[in-house]
PDB file of N, CA and C in Angstrom:
ATOM      1  N   MET A   1      27.751   7.567 -17.385  1.00  0.00           N
ATOM      2  CA  MET A   1      27.930   6.639 -16.289  1.00  0.00           C
ATOM      3  C   MET A   1      27.777   7.337 -14.938  1.00  0.00           C
ATOM      4  N   ARG A   2      28.335   8.525 -14.845  1.00  0.00           N
ATOM      5  CA  ARG A   2      28.258   9.276 -13.604  1.00  0.00           C
ATOM      6  C   ARG A   2      26.805   9.647 -13.289  1.00  0.00           C
ATOM      7  N   GLN A   3      26.060  10.005 -14.293  1.00  0.00           N
ATOM      8  CA  GLN A   3      24.654  10.371 -14.117  1.00  0.00           C
ATOM      9  C   GLN A   3      23.857   9.183 -13.569  1.00  0.00           C
ATOM     10  N   ARG A   4      24.157   7.998 -14.018  1.00  0.00           N
ATOM     11  CA  ARG A   4      23.428   6.806 -13.584  1.00  0.00           C
ATOM     12  C   ARG A   4      23.695   6.508 -12.107  1.00  0.00           C
ATOM     13  N   LYS A   5      24.944   6.626 -11.667  1.00  0.00           N
ATOM     14  CA  LYS A   5      25.259   6.382 -10.253  1.00  0.00           C
ATOM     15  C   LYS A   5      24.543   7.390  -9.365  1.00  0.00           C
ATOM     16  N   SER A   6      24.514   8.624  -9.799  1.00  0.00           N
ATOM     17  CA  SER A   6      23.859   9.666  -9.023  1.00  0.00           C
ATOM     18  C   SER A   6      22.364   9.398  -8.894  1.00  0.00           C
ATOM     19  N   SER A   7      21.737   8.989  -9.976  1.00  0.00           N
ATOM     20  CA  SER A   7      20.301   8.726  -9.915  1.00  0.00           C
ATOM     21  C   SER A   7      20.014   7.480  -9.079  1.00  0.00           C
ATOM     22  N   ASN A   8      20.893   6.475  -9.128  1.00  0.00           N
ATOM     23  CA  ASN A   8      20.703   5.283  -8.297  1.00  0.00           C
ATOM     24  C   ASN A   8      20.789   5.640  -6.816  1.00  0.00           C
ATOM     25  N   ILE A   9      21.732   6.484  -6.464  1.00  0.00           N
ATOM     26  CA  ILE A   9      21.869   6.891  -5.064  1.00  0.00           C
ATOM     27  C   ILE A   9      20.628   7.658  -4.626  1.00  0.00           C
ATOM     28  N   LYS A  10      20.107   8.510  -5.490  1.00  0.00           N
ATOM     29  CA  LYS A  10      18.895   9.257  -5.159  1.00  0.00           C
ATOM     30  C   LYS A  10      17.708   8.317  -4.977  1.00  0.00           C
ATOM     31  N   ILE A  11      17.619   7.306  -5.822  1.00  0.00           N
ATOM     32  CA  ILE A  11      16.528   6.330  -5.707  1.00  0.00           C
ATOM     33  C   ILE A  11      16.640   5.560  -4.395  1.00  0.00           C
ATOM     34  N   TYR A  12      17.835   5.084  -4.066  1.00  0.00           N
ATOM     35  CA  TYR A  12      18.040   4.346  -2.815  1.00  0.00           C
ATOM     36  C   TYR A  12      17.760   5.230  -1.608  1.00  0.00           C
ATOM     37  N   ALA A  13      18.211   6.475  -1.668  1.00  0.00           N
ATOM     38  CA  ALA A  13      17.955   7.404  -0.557  1.00  0.00           C
ATOM     39  C   ALA A  13      16.454   7.657  -0.413  1.00  0.00           C
ATOM     40  N   GLY A  14      15.784   7.851  -1.528  1.00  0.00           N
ATOM     41  CA  GLY A  14      14.343   8.067  -1.484  1.00  0.00           C
ATOM     42  C   GLY A  14      13.589   6.872  -0.936  1.00  0.00           C
ATOM     43  N   LEU A  15      13.984   5.694  -1.356  1.00  0.00           N
ATOM     44  CA  LEU A  15      13.334   4.478  -0.833  1.00  0.00           C
ATOM     45  C   LEU A  15      13.596   4.305   0.658  1.00  0.00           C
ATOM     46  N   THR A  16      14.818   4.606   1.096  1.00  0.00           N
ATOM     47  CA  THR A  16      15.151   4.493   2.515  1.00  0.00           C
ATOM     48  C   THR A  16      14.317   5.460   3.345  1.00  0.00           C
ATOM     49  N   VAL A  17      14.206   6.693   2.887  1.00  0.00           N
ATOM     50  CA  VAL A  17      13.390   7.682   3.600  1.00  0.00           C
ATOM     51  C   VAL A  17      11.923   7.265   3.600  1.00  0.00           C
ATOM     52  N   ALA A  18      11.428   6.794   2.470  1.00  0.00           N
ATOM     53  CA  ALA A  18      10.031   6.364   2.394  1.00  0.00           C
ATOM     54  C   ALA A  18       9.761   5.192   3.339  1.00  0.00           C
ATOM     55  N   CYS A  19      10.666   4.242   3.382  1.00  0.00           N
ATOM     56  CA  CYS A  19      10.495   3.102   4.301  1.00  0.00           C
ATOM     57  C   CYS A  19      10.540   3.558   5.753  1.00  0.00           C
ATOM     58  N   GLY A  20      11.404   4.499   6.051  1.00  0.00           N
ATOM     59  CA  GLY A  20      11.465   5.035   7.413  1.00  0.00           C
ATOM     60  C   GLY A  20      10.178   5.715   7.809  1.00  0.00           C
ATOM     61  N   ILE A  21       9.631   6.502   6.904  1.00  0.00           N
ATOM     62  CA  ILE A  21       8.364   7.189   7.184  1.00  0.00           C
ATOM     63  C   ILE A  21       7.239   6.179   7.368  1.00  0.00           C
ATOM     64  N   ILE A  22       7.190   5.175   6.521  1.00  0.00           N
ATOM     65  CA  ILE A  22       6.166   4.132   6.648  1.00  0.00           C
ATOM     66  C   ILE A  22       6.309   3.387   7.966  1.00  0.00           C
ATOM     67  N   ALA A  23       7.542   3.110   8.381  1.00  0.00           N
ATOM     68  CA  ALA A  23       7.771   2.413   9.649  1.00  0.00           C
ATOM     69  C   ALA A  23       7.292   3.247  10.832  1.00  0.00           C
ATOM     70  N   VAL A  24       7.546   4.543  10.813  1.00  0.00           N
ATOM     71  CA  VAL A  24       7.094   5.417  11.903  1.00  0.00           C
ATOM     72  C   VAL A  24       5.576   5.476  11.943  1.00  0.00           C
ATOM     73  N   ILE A  25       4.949   5.620  10.793  1.00  0.00           N
ATOM     74  CA  ILE A  25       3.481   5.667  10.734  1.00  0.00           C
ATOM     75  C   ILE A  25       2.880   4.350  11.230  1.00  0.00           C
ATOM     76  N   ALA A  26       3.449   3.231  10.803  1.00  0.00           N
ATOM     77  CA  ALA A  26       2.944   1.919  11.247  1.00  0.00           C
ATOM     78  C   ALA A  26       3.103   1.762  12.749  1.00  0.00           C
ATOM     79  N   HIS A  27       4.211   2.238  13.291  1.00  0.00           N
ATOM     80  CA  HIS A  27       4.446   2.153  14.735  1.00  0.00           C
ATOM     81  C   HIS A  27       3.342   2.878  15.496  1.00  0.00           C
ATOM     82  N   PHE A  28       3.010   4.096  15.064  1.00  0.00           N
ATOM     83  CA  PHE A  28       1.966   4.843  15.750  1.00  0.00           C
ATOM     84  C   PHE A  28       0.591   4.232  15.534  1.00  0.00           C
ATOM     85  N   LEU A  29       0.337   3.686  14.350  1.00  0.00           N
ATOM     86  CA  LEU A  29      -0.966   3.077  14.099  1.00  0.00           C
ATOM     87  C   LEU A  29      -1.189   1.832  14.947  1.00  0.00           C
ATOM     88  N   PHE A  30      -0.139   1.040  15.152  1.00  0.00           N
ATOM     89  CA  PHE A  30      -0.302  -0.182  15.930  1.00  0.00           C
ATOM     90  C   PHE A  30      -0.202   0.067  17.426  1.00  0.00           C
ATOM     91  N   GLU A  31       0.475   1.131  17.846  1.00  0.00           N
ATOM     92  CA  GLU A  31       0.613   1.411  19.264  1.00  0.00           C
ATOM     93  C   GLU A  31      -0.547   2.246  19.792  1.00  0.00           C
ATOM     94  N   ALA A  32      -1.131   3.066  18.964  1.00  0.00           N
ATOM     95  CA  ALA A  32      -2.192   3.981  19.395  1.00  0.00           C
ATOM     96  C   ALA A  32      -3.398   3.262  20.007  1.00  0.00           C
ATOM     97  N   PRO A  33      -3.913   2.196  19.422  1.00  0.00           N
ATOM     98  CA  PRO A  33      -5.077   1.536  20.034  1.00  0.00           C
ATOM     99  C   PRO A  33      -4.802   1.036  21.454  1.00  0.00           C
ATOM    100  N   ASP A  34      -3.589   0.561  21.714  1.00  0.00           N
ATOM    101  CA  ASP A  34      -3.252   0.103  23.066  1.00  0.00           C
ATOM    102  C   ASP A  34      -3.270   1.258  24.056  1.00  0.00           C
ATOM    103  N   ARG A  35      -2.740   2.387  23.635  1.00  0.00           N
ATOM    104  CA  ARG A  35      -2.736   3.563  24.519  1.00  0.00           C
ATOM    105  C   ARG A  35      -4.146   4.081  24.755  1.00  0.00           C
ATOM    106  N   VAL A  36      -4.960   4.089  23.716  1.00  0.00           N
ATOM    107  CA  VAL A  36      -6.341   4.553  23.858  1.00  0.00           C
ATOM    108  C   VAL A  36      -7.104   3.622  24.790  1.00  0.00           C
ATOM    109  N   ARG A  37      -6.910   2.325  24.624  1.00  0.00           N
ATOM    110  CA  ARG A  37      -7.592   1.357  25.491  1.00  0.00           C
ATOM    111  C   ARG A  37      -7.158   1.537  26.946  1.00  0.00           C
ATOM    112  N   ALA A  38      -5.861   1.702  27.169  1.00  0.00           N
ATOM    113  CA  ALA A  38      -5.355   1.896  28.528  1.00  0.00           C
ATOM    114  C   ALA A  38      -5.924   3.171  29.145  1.00  0.00           C
ATOM    115  N   TYR A  39      -5.985   4.231  28.354  1.00  0.00           N
ATOM    116  CA  TYR A  39      -6.560   5.489  28.846  1.00  0.00           C
ATOM    117  C   TYR A  39      -8.036   5.317  29.178  1.00  0.00           C
ATOM    118  N   ALA A  40      -8.777   4.661  28.300  1.00  0.00           N
ATOM    119  CA  ALA A  40     -10.206   4.454  28.525  1.00  0.00           C
ATOM    120  C   ALA A  40     -10.450   3.609  29.770  1.00  0.00           C
ATOM    121  N   GLU A  41      -9.654   2.570  29.956  1.00  0.00           N
ATOM    122  CA  GLU A  41      -9.804   1.723  31.140  1.00  0.00           C
ATOM    123  C   GLU A  41      -9.489   2.501  32.414  1.00  0.00           C
ATOM    124  N   ALA A  42      -8.466   3.332  32.384  1.00  0.00           N
ATOM    125  CA  ALA A  42      -8.116   4.137  33.555  1.00  0.00           C
ATOM    126  C   ALA A  42      -9.230   5.131  33.880  1.00  0.00           C
ATOM    127  N   GLU A  43      -9.785   5.753  32.859  1.00  0.00           N
ATOM    128  CA  GLU A  43     -10.881   6.696  33.081  1.00  0.00           C
ATOM    129  C   GLU A  43     -12.125   5.974  33.613  1.00  0.00           C
ATOM    130  N   LEU A  44     -12.406   4.798  33.082  1.00  0.00           N
ATOM    131  CA  LEU A  44     -13.550   4.028  33.558  1.00  0.00           C
ATOM    132  C   LEU A  44     -13.356   3.622  35.017  1.00  0.00           C
ATOM    133  N   ASP A  45     -12.163   3.156  35.363  1.00  0.00           N
ATOM    134  CA  ASP A  45     -11.878   2.788  36.755  1.00  0.00           C
ATOM    135  C   ASP A  45     -12.050   3.991  37.682  1.00  0.00           C
ATOM    136  N   SER A  46     -11.571   5.137  37.242  1.00  0.00           N
ATOM    137  CA  SER A  46     -11.699   6.348  38.042  1.00  0.00           C
ATOM    138  C   SER A  46     -13.161   6.733  38.229  1.00  0.00           C
ATOM    139  N   ALA A  47     -13.942   6.634  37.172  1.00  0.00           N
ATOM    140  CA  ALA A  47     -15.363   6.965  37.254  1.00  0.00           C
ATOM    141  C   ALA A  47     -16.102   6.003  38.177  1.00  0.00           C
ATOM    142  N   VAL A  48     -15.780   4.727  38.100  1.00  0.00           N
ATOM    143  CA  VAL A  48     -16.426   3.734  38.967  1.00  0.00           C
ATOM    144  C   VAL A  48     -16.052   4.004  40.427  1.00  0.00           C
ATOM    145  N   ARG A  49     -14.780   4.287  40.662  1.00  0.00           N
ATOM    146  CA  ARG A  49     -14.324   4.573  42.018  1.00  0.00           C
ATOM    147  C   ARG A  49     -15.062   5.791  42.590  1.00  0.00           C
ATOM    148  N   SER A  50     -15.207   6.830  41.789  1.00  0.00           N
ATOM    149  CA  SER A  50     -15.907   8.037  42.235  1.00  0.00           C
ATOM    150  C   SER A  50     -17.376   7.745  42.521  1.00  0.00           C
ATOM    151  N   ALA A  51     -18.000   6.962  41.675  1.00  0.00           N
ATOM    152  CA  ALA A  51     -19.408   6.613  41.869  1.00  0.00           C
ATOM    153  C   ALA A  51     -19.601   5.797  43.137  1.00  0.00           C
ATOM    154  N   VAL A  52     -18.711   4.861  43.384  1.00  0.00           N
ATOM    155  CA  VAL A  52     -18.816   4.032  44.592  1.00  0.00           C
ATOM    156  C   VAL A  52     -18.624   4.889  45.833  1.00  0.00           C
ATOM    157  N   LYS A  53     -17.643   5.785  45.821  1.00  0.00           N
ATOM    158  CA  LYS A  53     -17.418   6.669  46.977  1.00  0.00           C
ATOM    159  C   LYS A  53     -18.642   7.528  47.242  1.00  0.00           C
ATOM    160  N   SER A  54     -19.243   8.031  46.180  1.00  0.00           N
ATOM    161  CA  SER A  54     -20.439   8.859  46.317  1.00  0.00           C
ATOM    162  C   SER A  54     -21.588   8.055  46.921  1.00  0.00           C
ATOM    163  N   GLU A  55     -21.770   6.849  46.445  1.00  0.00           N
ATOM    164  CA  GLU A  55     -22.845   6.000  46.981  1.00  0.00           C
ATOM    165  C   GLU A  55     -22.591   5.643  48.448  1.00  0.00           C
ATOM    166  N   VAL A  56     -21.356   5.384  48.800  1.00  0.00           N
ATOM    167  CA  VAL A  56     -21.023   5.046  50.200  1.00  0.00           C
ATOM    168  C   VAL A  56     -21.291   6.245  51.101  1.00  0.00           C
ATOM    169  N   ARG A  57     -20.892   7.428  50.645  1.00  0.00           N
ATOM    170  CA  ARG A  57     -21.152   8.650  51.436  1.00  0.00           C
ATOM    171  C   ARG A  57     -22.652   8.857  51.629  1.00  0.00           C
ATOM    172  N   THR A  58     -23.401   8.699  50.561  1.00  0.00           N
ATOM    173  CA  THR A  58     -24.859   8.882  50.636  1.00  0.00           C
ATOM    174  C   THR A  58     -25.466   7.865  51.587  1.00  0.00           C
ATOM    175  N   ALA A  59     -25.040   6.617  51.493  1.00  0.00           N
ATOM    176  CA  ALA A  59     -25.582   5.580  52.382  1.00  0.00           C
ATOM    177  C   ALA A  59     -25.195   5.854  53.826  1.00  0.00           C
ATOM    178  N   ALA A  60     -23.989   6.342  54.062  1.00  0.00           N
ATOM    179  CA  ALA A  60     -23.549   6.644  55.432  1.00  0.00           C
ATOM    180  C   ALA A  60     -24.338   7.808  56.021  1.00  0.00           C
ATOM    181  N   GLN A  61     -24.625   8.802  55.186  1.00  0.00           N
ATOM    182  CA  GLN A  61     -25.407   9.946  55.679  1.00  0.00           C
ATOM    183  C   GLN A  61     -26.850   9.548  55.946  1.00  0.00           C
ATOM    184  N   GLU A  62     -27.401   8.661  55.138  1.00  0.00           N
ATOM    185  CA  GLU A  62     -28.786   8.216  55.360  1.00  0.00           C
ATOM    186  C   GLU A  62     -28.880   7.324  56.575  1.00  0.00           C
ATOM    187  N   ALA A  63     -27.825   6.635  56.911  1.00  0.00           N
ATOM    188  CA  ALA A  63     -27.844   5.726  58.070  1.00  0.00           C
ATOM    189  C   ALA A  63     -27.783   6.489  59.374  1.00  0.00           C
ATOM    190  N   LYS A  64     -27.309   7.717  59.370  1.00  0.00           N
ATOM    191  CA  LYS A  64     -27.186   8.496  60.624  1.00  0.00           C
ATOM    192  C   LYS A  64     -28.491   8.936  61.131  1.00  0.00           C
TER     193      LYS A  64
END
């Protein structure tokens, strides 16, 4: 009887740990695309801003 209780506790502990690990992995899998998209959009905005500034400078120098 004692052996059975011990193995049940080990099974429950193992399942709890496995579910916790799965939850952490799922959290990163579902959150990662949002972070990547936000990073890509920020980099794109920065690149566009730099390109526009460069074009404005070039146009201002040609106008002189």
